[in-house]
């Protein structure tokens, strides 16, 4: 995954369209992978990424550089929007509404060979690091990050204490961070 520094945000905030393009070229793949993992639908993941970039262009001041890394903020926004869309789809299906319209959308995400190989390699590293986690940590992280459950919901779902859920999430994230320390995010 490419290094996205906070300086690019300053350029975007100043209206530099080329900085926005650089950000898209360098980081949209990582955002797309995260959204696709949550949604399981390429078309919806593309919509989420478009929404996130549109939001950033309209409201760049919503990021606070003193509170963290720009790349982390983008991934959190992507994750949250993906979960929102996932929940919305689930509510529609629970009400018996058809999802046929989304299923018929064409796949416009054509990736060249080099970019596809890089994305595949990044996903492979993450998948490997995730598989190396102890099962109890992997399970709470999957429920939290990919299914959008909050700590209380995970606690109820797995019949664990809230403290245990929080500890497992914290330990799992630390182990992932250590496993992926060679990849700069």
Protein backbone atom coordinates (compact mmCIF):
# COMPACT_ATOMS: atom_id res chain seq x y z
CA UNK A 1 0.00 0.00 0.00
CA UNK A 2 1.46 3.41 -0.87
CA UNK A 3 2.45 5.94 1.74
CA UNK A 4 -0.11 8.75 1.92
CA UNK A 5 1.20 11.65 3.92
CA UNK A 6 -0.76 14.47 5.48
CA UNK A 7 0.88 16.98 3.08
CA UNK A 8 -1.37 15.80 0.27
CA UNK A 9 -4.35 16.79 2.42
CA UNK A 10 -3.03 20.35 2.70
CA UNK A 11 -2.80 20.53 -1.08
CA UNK A 12 -6.34 19.16 -1.48
CA UNK A 13 -7.59 21.62 1.13
CA UNK A 14 -6.07 24.41 -0.98
CA UNK A 15 -8.02 23.17 -4.02
CA UNK A 16 -5.14 21.43 -5.81
CA UNK A 17 -6.89 19.05 -8.21
CA UNK A 18 -3.61 17.34 -9.12
CA UNK A 19 -3.11 16.39 -5.45
CA UNK A 20 -6.60 14.94 -5.45
CA UNK A 21 -5.71 12.91 -8.55
CA UNK A 22 -2.49 11.70 -6.93
CA UNK A 23 -4.41 10.60 -3.88
CA UNK A 24 -6.93 8.74 -6.00
CA UNK A 25 -4.25 7.04 -8.09
CA UNK A 26 -2.21 6.09 -5.03
CA UNK A 27 -4.81 5.11 -2.45
CA UNK A 28 -8.20 4.34 -4.04
CA UNK A 29 -7.16 0.69 -4.49
CA UNK A 30 -6.66 0.22 -0.75
CA UNK A 31 -9.97 1.92 -0.02
CA UNK A 32 -11.71 -0.19 -2.64
CA UNK A 33 -10.27 -3.43 -1.22
CA UNK A 34 -11.57 -2.56 2.24
CA UNK A 35 -15.01 -1.63 0.96
CA UNK A 36 -15.20 -4.74 -1.23
CA UNK A 37 -14.27 -6.92 1.74
CA UNK A 38 -17.16 -5.46 3.75
CA UNK A 39 -19.77 -5.30 0.99
CA UNK A 40 -18.86 -8.24 -1.21
CA UNK A 41 -20.08 -6.25 -4.23
CA UNK A 42 -17.75 -4.44 -6.63
CA UNK A 43 -20.35 -1.97 -7.85
CA UNK A 44 -21.35 -0.93 -4.35
CA UNK A 45 -17.70 -0.68 -3.28
CA UNK A 46 -17.03 1.64 -6.23
CA UNK A 47 -20.01 3.77 -5.18
CA UNK A 48 -18.63 4.02 -1.64
CA UNK A 49 -15.22 5.15 -2.90
CA UNK A 50 -16.85 7.75 -5.13
CA UNK A 51 -18.87 9.00 -2.14
CA UNK A 52 -15.77 9.24 0.06
CA UNK A 53 -13.78 11.17 -2.54
CA UNK A 54 -16.72 13.47 -3.21
CA UNK A 55 -17.04 14.13 0.52
CA UNK A 56 -13.31 14.85 0.80
CA UNK A 57 -13.43 17.30 -2.12
CA UNK A 58 -16.44 19.15 -0.70
CA UNK A 59 -15.33 19.12 2.95
CA UNK A 60 -11.57 18.65 3.24
CA UNK A 61 -11.63 20.43 6.61
CA UNK A 62 -13.42 17.41 8.11
CA UNK A 63 -9.96 15.82 8.53
CA UNK A 64 -7.92 17.09 11.47
CA UNK A 65 -4.19 16.50 10.81
CA UNK A 66 -3.32 16.86 14.49
CA UNK A 67 -5.47 13.81 15.31
CA UNK A 68 -3.81 11.21 13.12
CA UNK A 69 -2.72 10.05 9.70
CA UNK A 70 -4.67 11.06 6.63
CA UNK A 71 -4.57 7.51 5.25
CA UNK A 72 -6.04 6.12 8.48
CA UNK A 73 -8.81 8.71 8.38
CA UNK A 74 -9.64 7.80 4.78
CA UNK A 75 -9.84 4.12 5.66
CA UNK A 76 -12.09 4.81 8.66
CA UNK A 77 -14.43 6.91 6.50
CA UNK A 78 -14.43 4.16 3.84
CA UNK A 79 -15.13 1.50 6.45
CA UNK A 80 -17.97 3.47 8.04
CA UNK A 81 -19.64 4.26 4.72
CA UNK A 82 -19.29 0.63 3.63
CA UNK A 83 -20.88 -0.61 6.83
CA UNK A 84 -23.69 1.92 6.45
CA UNK A 85 -24.34 0.65 2.93
CA UNK A 86 -24.16 -2.98 4.07
CA UNK A 87 -26.71 -2.31 6.83
CA UNK A 88 -28.96 -0.44 4.41
CA UNK A 89 -28.88 -3.37 1.99
CA UNK A 90 -29.62 -5.78 4.84
CA UNK A 91 -32.63 -3.70 5.93
CA UNK A 92 -33.95 -3.67 2.34
CA UNK A 93 -33.57 -7.44 2.07
CA UNK A 94 -35.15 -7.94 5.52
CA UNK A 95 -38.18 -6.00 4.25
CA UNK A 96 -38.33 -8.28 1.23
CA UNK A 97 -37.16 -5.70 -1.32
CA UNK A 98 -35.27 -7.03 -4.31
CA UNK A 99 -31.57 -6.46 -4.83
CA UNK A 100 -31.80 -7.39 -8.55
CA UNK A 101 -30.96 -3.88 -9.74
CA UNK A 102 -27.58 -3.96 -8.01
CA UNK A 103 -26.84 -7.48 -9.20
CA UNK A 104 -27.17 -6.41 -12.86
CA UNK A 105 -24.59 -3.59 -12.73
CA UNK A 106 -21.57 -4.09 -15.00
CA UNK A 107 -18.07 -4.32 -13.54
CA UNK A 108 -16.18 -1.20 -14.60
CA UNK A 109 -13.17 -1.89 -12.43
CA UNK A 110 -10.65 -2.95 -15.03
CA UNK A 111 -7.18 -3.13 -13.50
CA UNK A 112 -3.95 -3.40 -15.45
CA UNK A 113 -1.67 -6.35 -14.72
CA UNK A 114 0.89 -4.52 -12.57
CA UNK A 115 -1.73 -2.81 -10.43
CA UNK A 116 -3.67 -6.04 -10.07
CA UNK A 117 -0.54 -7.89 -8.97
CA UNK A 118 0.26 -5.19 -6.39
CA UNK A 119 -3.27 -5.23 -5.02
CA UNK A 120 -3.24 -9.02 -4.94
CA UNK A 121 0.08 -9.01 -3.07
CA UNK A 122 -1.24 -6.49 -0.51
CA UNK A 123 -4.40 -8.52 0.05
CA UNK A 124 -2.29 -11.67 0.37
CA UNK A 125 -0.12 -10.09 3.10
CA UNK A 126 -3.18 -8.89 4.99
CA UNK A 127 -4.99 -12.21 4.62
CA UNK A 128 -1.89 -14.07 5.85
CA UNK A 129 -1.47 -11.76 8.85
CA UNK A 130 -5.17 -12.11 9.63
CA UNK A 131 -4.99 -15.93 9.44
CA UNK A 132 -2.04 -15.93 11.85
CA UNK A 133 -4.16 -14.30 14.55
CA UNK A 134 -5.54 -16.52 17.30
CA UNK A 135 -9.11 -17.51 16.39
CA UNK A 136 -10.71 -15.58 19.27
CA UNK A 137 -9.00 -12.34 18.16
CA UNK A 138 -9.74 -12.93 14.48
CA UNK A 139 -13.42 -13.57 15.21
CA UNK A 140 -13.96 -10.31 17.16
CA UNK A 141 -12.08 -8.29 14.52
CA UNK A 142 -14.18 -9.81 11.72
CA UNK A 143 -17.39 -8.96 13.55
CA UNK A 144 -16.21 -5.44 14.30
CA UNK A 145 -14.53 -4.37 11.07
CA UNK A 146 -16.27 -6.43 8.42
CA UNK A 147 -19.75 -6.82 9.87
CA UNK A 148 -19.94 -3.45 11.63
CA UNK A 149 -20.93 -4.75 15.05
CA UNK A 150 -20.06 -2.56 18.02
CA UNK A 151 -18.35 -3.93 21.13
CA UNK A 152 -21.62 -4.53 23.01
CA UNK A 153 -23.14 -6.36 20.03
CA UNK A 154 -20.03 -8.55 19.74
CA UNK A 155 -20.20 -9.24 23.47
CA UNK A 156 -23.83 -10.35 23.15
CA UNK A 157 -23.22 -12.32 19.93
CA UNK A 158 -20.26 -14.28 21.35
CA UNK A 159 -21.51 -14.38 24.93
CA UNK A 160 -18.33 -12.72 26.22
CA UNK A 161 -17.77 -9.92 28.69
CA UNK A 162 -17.34 -6.45 27.21
CA UNK A 163 -13.82 -6.22 28.67
CA UNK A 164 -12.83 -9.49 26.98
CA UNK A 165 -14.12 -8.24 23.62
CA UNK A 166 -12.19 -4.96 23.94
CA UNK A 167 -9.00 -6.78 24.99
CA UNK A 168 -9.20 -9.22 22.10
CA UNK A 169 -9.75 -6.41 19.61
CA UNK A 170 -6.83 -4.41 21.01
CA UNK A 171 -4.49 -7.43 21.04
CA UNK A 172 -5.57 -8.48 17.53
CA UNK A 173 -4.92 -5.01 16.14
CA UNK A 174 -1.50 -4.90 17.82
CA UNK A 175 -0.59 -8.28 16.30
CA UNK A 176 -1.78 -7.19 12.85
CA UNK A 177 0.20 -3.96 13.16
CA UNK A 178 3.34 -5.90 14.08
CA UNK A 179 2.83 -8.45 11.28
CA UNK A 180 2.33 -5.71 8.70
CA UNK A 181 5.06 -3.38 9.98
CA UNK A 182 7.04 -3.93 6.78
CA UNK A 183 4.14 -2.57 4.73
CA UNK A 184 3.77 1.15 5.17
CA UNK A 185 0.19 2.43 5.28
